[in-house]
């Protein structure tokens, strides 16, 4: 069967305090963030993996937007898919519990687990304890920002073994009520992508997050970037809070 295989572990989650939705994913294929996470502000978040089909993610989001719960949206979407046996999906809506599907022909170790505010799923894992570690880590920090909880879940999964082929890429996306995400970070090719994603997240929290926080809001007046943010971003990257980058043209 032709197509893009992404043997992967991921988490889709929702913050009950803020209503934000997010996906975090890691895999031993390059640029996993380009093919697996799909989010729609105020509607839901989906990860499509194993034999990836983005149209399934879109169909799940359409059903969530029409009022279906995540479990019904996933079930109805997979019922129309003749290749459901090789699919893996995780989904969470703006309300209700997480849902997931692991096809019978997904590569072992594989599986999923669903909770009130998240779902974890993975295939070609070192063991199903990877999924248990992800779910525990996410549940342990209900007061933390959603991006921190999702990153902690990836770190716990990697510490428990992760993808049995190795490591290559990771991604993190969090969206709220705006058309643009609050966090959208990818490590497309790296020997330790989850650790690198944590590093990039730290730099972005210091340098990019203040800029995003000042961007126009839905229904609000347009305004210039705050002076302090502009001043910070005019400096060479190594001289900014969090460092990183280079000062060479």
Protein backbone atom coordinates (compact mmCIF):
# COMPACT_ATOMS: atom_id res chain seq x y z
CA UNK A 1 0.00 0.00 0.00
CA UNK A 2 1.44 3.34 -1.03
CA UNK A 3 1.28 6.45 1.13
CA UNK A 4 3.10 8.16 3.95
CA UNK A 5 3.73 6.01 7.01
CA UNK A 6 4.34 7.91 10.26
CA UNK A 7 5.05 5.50 13.09
CA UNK A 8 4.56 8.00 15.82
CA UNK A 9 3.49 8.91 19.34
CA UNK A 10 1.28 11.91 19.95
CA UNK A 11 -1.08 13.61 22.35
CA UNK A 12 -4.10 15.81 21.62
CA UNK A 13 -5.22 17.90 24.59
CA UNK A 14 -7.48 20.66 25.80
CA UNK A 15 -6.98 23.17 28.62
CA UNK A 16 -10.18 23.39 30.65
CA UNK A 17 -9.15 26.80 32.07
CA UNK A 18 -8.43 28.58 28.79
CA UNK A 19 -10.24 26.48 26.20
CA UNK A 20 -7.02 26.12 24.20
CA UNK A 21 -6.47 23.03 22.06
CA UNK A 22 -3.15 21.44 21.18
CA UNK A 23 -1.18 18.61 19.63
CA UNK A 24 2.32 17.37 20.42
CA UNK A 25 3.92 14.64 18.33
CA UNK A 26 7.27 12.93 17.84
CA UNK A 27 8.52 10.29 15.44
CA UNK A 28 11.49 8.66 13.73
CA UNK A 29 10.51 10.22 10.41
CA UNK A 30 11.49 13.74 9.32
CA UNK A 31 9.10 16.69 9.64
CA UNK A 32 6.34 14.85 11.47
CA UNK A 33 4.80 18.22 12.32
CA UNK A 34 4.12 18.80 8.62
CA UNK A 35 1.81 15.80 8.21
CA UNK A 36 0.23 14.72 11.50
CA UNK A 37 -1.28 17.65 13.51
CA UNK A 38 -4.49 19.36 12.39
CA UNK A 39 -6.22 22.02 14.50
CA UNK A 40 -9.19 24.30 14.08
CA UNK A 41 -9.56 27.15 16.61
CA UNK A 42 -12.57 26.70 18.86
CA UNK A 43 -13.40 23.35 17.24
CA UNK A 44 -10.83 20.63 17.87
CA UNK A 45 -7.41 19.09 17.42
CA UNK A 46 -6.50 15.87 15.60
CA UNK A 47 -3.38 13.82 14.99
CA UNK A 48 -3.44 11.48 11.97
CA UNK A 49 -0.67 8.87 11.97
CA UNK A 50 0.40 5.33 11.02
CA UNK A 51 -0.68 5.42 7.33
CA UNK A 52 -1.35 9.14 7.33
CA UNK A 53 -4.50 10.53 5.72
CA UNK A 54 -4.97 14.29 6.27
CA UNK A 55 -8.49 14.11 4.82
CA UNK A 56 -9.55 12.00 7.80
CA UNK A 57 -8.37 14.74 10.16
CA UNK A 58 -10.31 17.33 8.18
CA UNK A 59 -13.43 15.13 8.23
CA UNK A 60 -13.17 14.70 12.00
CA UNK A 61 -12.83 18.48 12.45
CA UNK A 62 -15.82 19.07 10.18
CA UNK A 63 -17.93 16.71 12.29
CA UNK A 64 -16.75 18.38 15.51
CA UNK A 65 -17.68 21.76 14.02
CA UNK A 66 -21.15 20.39 13.23
CA UNK A 67 -21.67 19.42 16.88
CA UNK A 68 -20.53 15.79 17.07
CA UNK A 69 -18.50 14.58 20.04
CA UNK A 70 -14.95 13.40 19.42
CA UNK A 71 -15.78 9.68 19.74
CA UNK A 72 -18.67 9.92 17.28
CA UNK A 73 -16.65 12.07 14.89
CA UNK A 74 -13.76 9.57 14.84
CA UNK A 75 -16.06 6.54 14.52
CA UNK A 76 -18.12 8.04 11.70
CA UNK A 77 -15.01 9.13 9.81
CA UNK A 78 -13.30 5.75 10.07
CA UNK A 79 -16.51 3.95 9.09
CA UNK A 80 -16.15 5.56 5.66
CA UNK A 81 -12.46 4.62 5.26
CA UNK A 82 -11.66 1.29 3.55
CA UNK A 83 -8.11 1.46 4.98
CA UNK A 84 -9.19 1.99 8.60
CA UNK A 85 -7.13 -1.02 9.69
CA UNK A 86 -3.88 0.88 9.06
CA UNK A 87 -4.99 4.24 10.43
CA UNK A 88 -4.38 5.79 13.81
CA UNK A 89 -6.21 8.94 14.91
CA UNK A 90 -6.46 10.94 18.10
CA UNK A 91 -8.99 13.76 18.52
CA UNK A 92 -10.26 16.22 21.10
CA UNK A 93 -13.04 18.77 20.71
CA UNK A 94 -13.79 22.08 22.38
CA UNK A 95 -15.89 20.07 24.84
CA UNK A 96 -16.13 16.42 25.83
CA UNK A 97 -13.57 13.66 26.23
CA UNK A 98 -10.74 12.74 23.91
CA UNK A 99 -11.15 9.90 21.41
CA UNK A 100 -8.82 7.71 19.39
CA UNK A 101 -8.64 4.84 16.91
CA UNK A 102 -5.85 2.31 16.44
CA UNK A 103 -6.33 0.08 13.41
CA UNK A 104 -5.84 -3.66 13.74
CA UNK A 105 -2.91 -3.58 11.29
CA UNK A 106 -0.96 -0.76 12.94
CA UNK A 107 2.59 -1.78 13.85
CA UNK A 108 3.16 -3.04 17.40
CA UNK A 109 3.59 -1.95 20.05
CA UNK A 110 0.58 0.24 19.39
CA UNK A 111 -2.49 1.54 21.15
CA UNK A 112 -4.21 4.56 22.62
CA UNK A 113 -5.77 5.87 25.83
CA UNK A 114 -8.46 8.51 26.23
CA UNK A 115 -9.34 10.82 29.12
CA UNK A 116 -11.63 13.76 29.83
CA UNK A 117 -9.24 16.34 28.39
CA UNK A 118 -6.80 14.41 26.21
CA UNK A 119 -6.02 11.34 24.15
CA UNK A 120 -2.66 9.66 23.58
CA UNK A 121 -1.85 7.32 20.72
CA UNK A 122 1.19 5.63 19.27
CA UNK A 123 2.48 2.84 17.07
CA UNK A 124 5.86 1.16 16.57
CA UNK A 125 6.57 1.99 20.21
CA UNK A 126 9.06 0.35 22.52
CA UNK A 127 6.02 -0.59 24.63
CA UNK A 128 2.55 0.55 25.65
CA UNK A 129 4.07 2.03 28.81
CA UNK A 130 5.04 4.95 26.55
CA UNK A 131 1.35 5.85 26.28
CA UNK A 132 0.78 5.46 30.01
CA UNK A 133 3.72 7.78 30.73
CA UNK A 134 2.35 10.43 28.36
CA UNK A 135 -1.10 10.41 29.91
CA UNK A 136 0.26 10.60 33.47
CA UNK A 137 2.56 13.51 32.63
CA UNK A 138 -0.24 15.51 31.01
CA UNK A 139 -2.63 14.87 33.89
CA UNK A 140 -0.01 15.86 36.47
CA UNK A 141 0.00 19.58 35.58
CA UNK A 142 -3.56 20.88 35.25
CA UNK A 143 -2.51 24.37 36.34
CA UNK A 144 0.28 24.71 33.76
CA UNK A 145 -0.08 26.27 30.31
CA UNK A 146 -1.21 23.75 27.72
CA UNK A 147 2.06 23.88 25.77
CA UNK A 148 4.00 22.98 28.93
CA UNK A 149 1.70 20.01 29.62
CA UNK A 150 1.99 18.73 26.06
CA UNK A 151 5.78 19.07 26.09
CA UNK A 152 5.94 17.23 29.42
CA UNK A 153 3.93 14.40 27.85
CA UNK A 154 6.39 14.11 24.95
CA UNK A 155 9.34 14.13 27.36
CA UNK A 156 7.74 11.40 29.46
CA UNK A 157 7.09 9.31 26.36
CA UNK A 158 10.69 9.65 25.22
CA UNK A 159 11.96 8.78 28.69
CA UNK A 160 9.80 5.63 28.62
CA UNK A 161 11.25 4.53 25.28
CA UNK A 162 9.38 6.33 22.49
CA UNK A 163 9.60 5.15 18.87
CA UNK A 164 11.49 1.86 18.74
CA UNK A 165 13.27 2.85 15.50
CA UNK A 166 14.88 5.91 17.10
CA UNK A 167 14.35 9.68 16.99
CA UNK A 168 14.13 12.29 14.25
CA UNK A 169 11.42 14.97 14.56
CA UNK A 170 8.89 16.53 16.92
CA UNK A 171 6.28 19.29 16.88
CA UNK A 172 4.02 21.29 19.18
CA UNK A 173 0.96 23.35 18.21
CA UNK A 174 -1.46 25.19 20.55
CA UNK A 175 -4.38 27.30 19.39
CA UNK A 176 -6.96 29.41 21.18
CA UNK A 177 -9.74 31.54 19.76
CA UNK A 178 -7.63 33.33 17.14
CA UNK A 179 -7.12 32.16 13.57
CA UNK A 180 -3.38 31.90 14.23
CA UNK A 181 -1.81 29.55 16.82
CA UNK A 182 -0.33 30.79 20.07
CA UNK A 183 2.47 28.21 19.76
CA UNK A 184 3.58 26.48 16.54
CA UNK A 185 7.04 24.91 16.76
CA UNK A 186 8.74 22.13 14.81
CA UNK A 187 12.03 20.27 14.93
CA UNK A 188 12.15 18.62 11.52
CA UNK A 189 15.41 16.65 11.69
CA UNK A 190 17.46 16.16 14.84
CA UNK A 191 19.16 13.37 16.79
CA UNK A 192 17.24 14.31 19.95
CA UNK A 193 14.14 16.14 18.69
CA UNK A 194 12.10 16.24 21.89
CA UNK A 195 14.98 17.80 23.82
CA UNK A 196 15.57 20.23 20.94
CA UNK A 197 11.86 21.09 20.89
CA UNK A 198 12.11 21.96 24.59
CA UNK A 199 15.08 24.23 23.86
CA UNK A 200 13.34 25.94 20.95
CA UNK A 201 10.21 26.35 23.07
CA UNK A 202 12.27 28.15 25.72
CA UNK A 203 13.74 30.56 23.17
CA UNK A 204 10.34 31.15 21.57
CA UNK A 205 8.76 31.79 24.98
CA UNK A 206 11.24 34.64 25.54
CA UNK A 207 11.40 36.10 22.04
CA UNK A 208 8.35 35.07 19.99
CA UNK A 209 5.57 34.75 22.58
CA UNK A 210 5.68 38.48 23.52
CA UNK A 211 5.28 39.37 19.84
CA UNK A 212 2.37 36.93 19.37
CA UNK A 213 0.73 38.27 22.54
CA UNK A 214 0.67 41.73 20.93
CA UNK A 215 -0.77 40.60 17.60
CA UNK A 216 -4.30 41.69 16.61
CA UNK A 217 -7.17 39.87 18.29
CA UNK A 218 -10.43 38.82 16.68
CA UNK A 219 -12.83 41.75 16.84
CA UNK A 220 -10.27 44.03 18.48
CA UNK A 221 -8.58 47.17 17.16
CA UNK A 222 -5.33 46.83 15.25
CA UNK A 223 -2.31 48.23 17.04
CA UNK A 224 1.44 48.46 16.59
CA UNK A 225 3.70 46.00 18.37
CA UNK A 226 4.62 47.12 21.91
CA UNK A 227 7.79 49.23 21.93
CA UNK A 228 9.60 46.87 24.31
CA UNK A 229 8.97 43.92 21.98
CA UNK A 230 10.14 45.86 18.93
CA UNK A 231 13.28 46.94 20.77
CA UNK A 232 14.02 43.37 21.82
CA UNK A 233 13.58 41.96 18.31
CA UNK A 234 15.86 44.64 16.80
CA UNK A 235 18.75 43.11 18.74
CA UNK A 236 20.80 40.21 17.30
CA UNK A 237 19.35 36.88 18.49
CA UNK A 238 22.20 36.01 20.91
CA UNK A 239 21.62 39.32 22.73
CA UNK A 240 17.92 38.73 23.34
CA UNK A 241 16.42 36.97 26.38
CA UNK A 242 16.89 33.25 25.88
CA UNK A 243 19.70 33.71 23.35
CA UNK A 244 19.95 31.37 20.38
CA UNK A 245 20.52 32.06 16.73
CA UNK A 246 23.56 33.96 15.47
CA UNK A 247 24.63 37.58 15.10
CA UNK A 248 26.34 36.90 11.76
CA UNK A 249 24.59 38.32 8.66
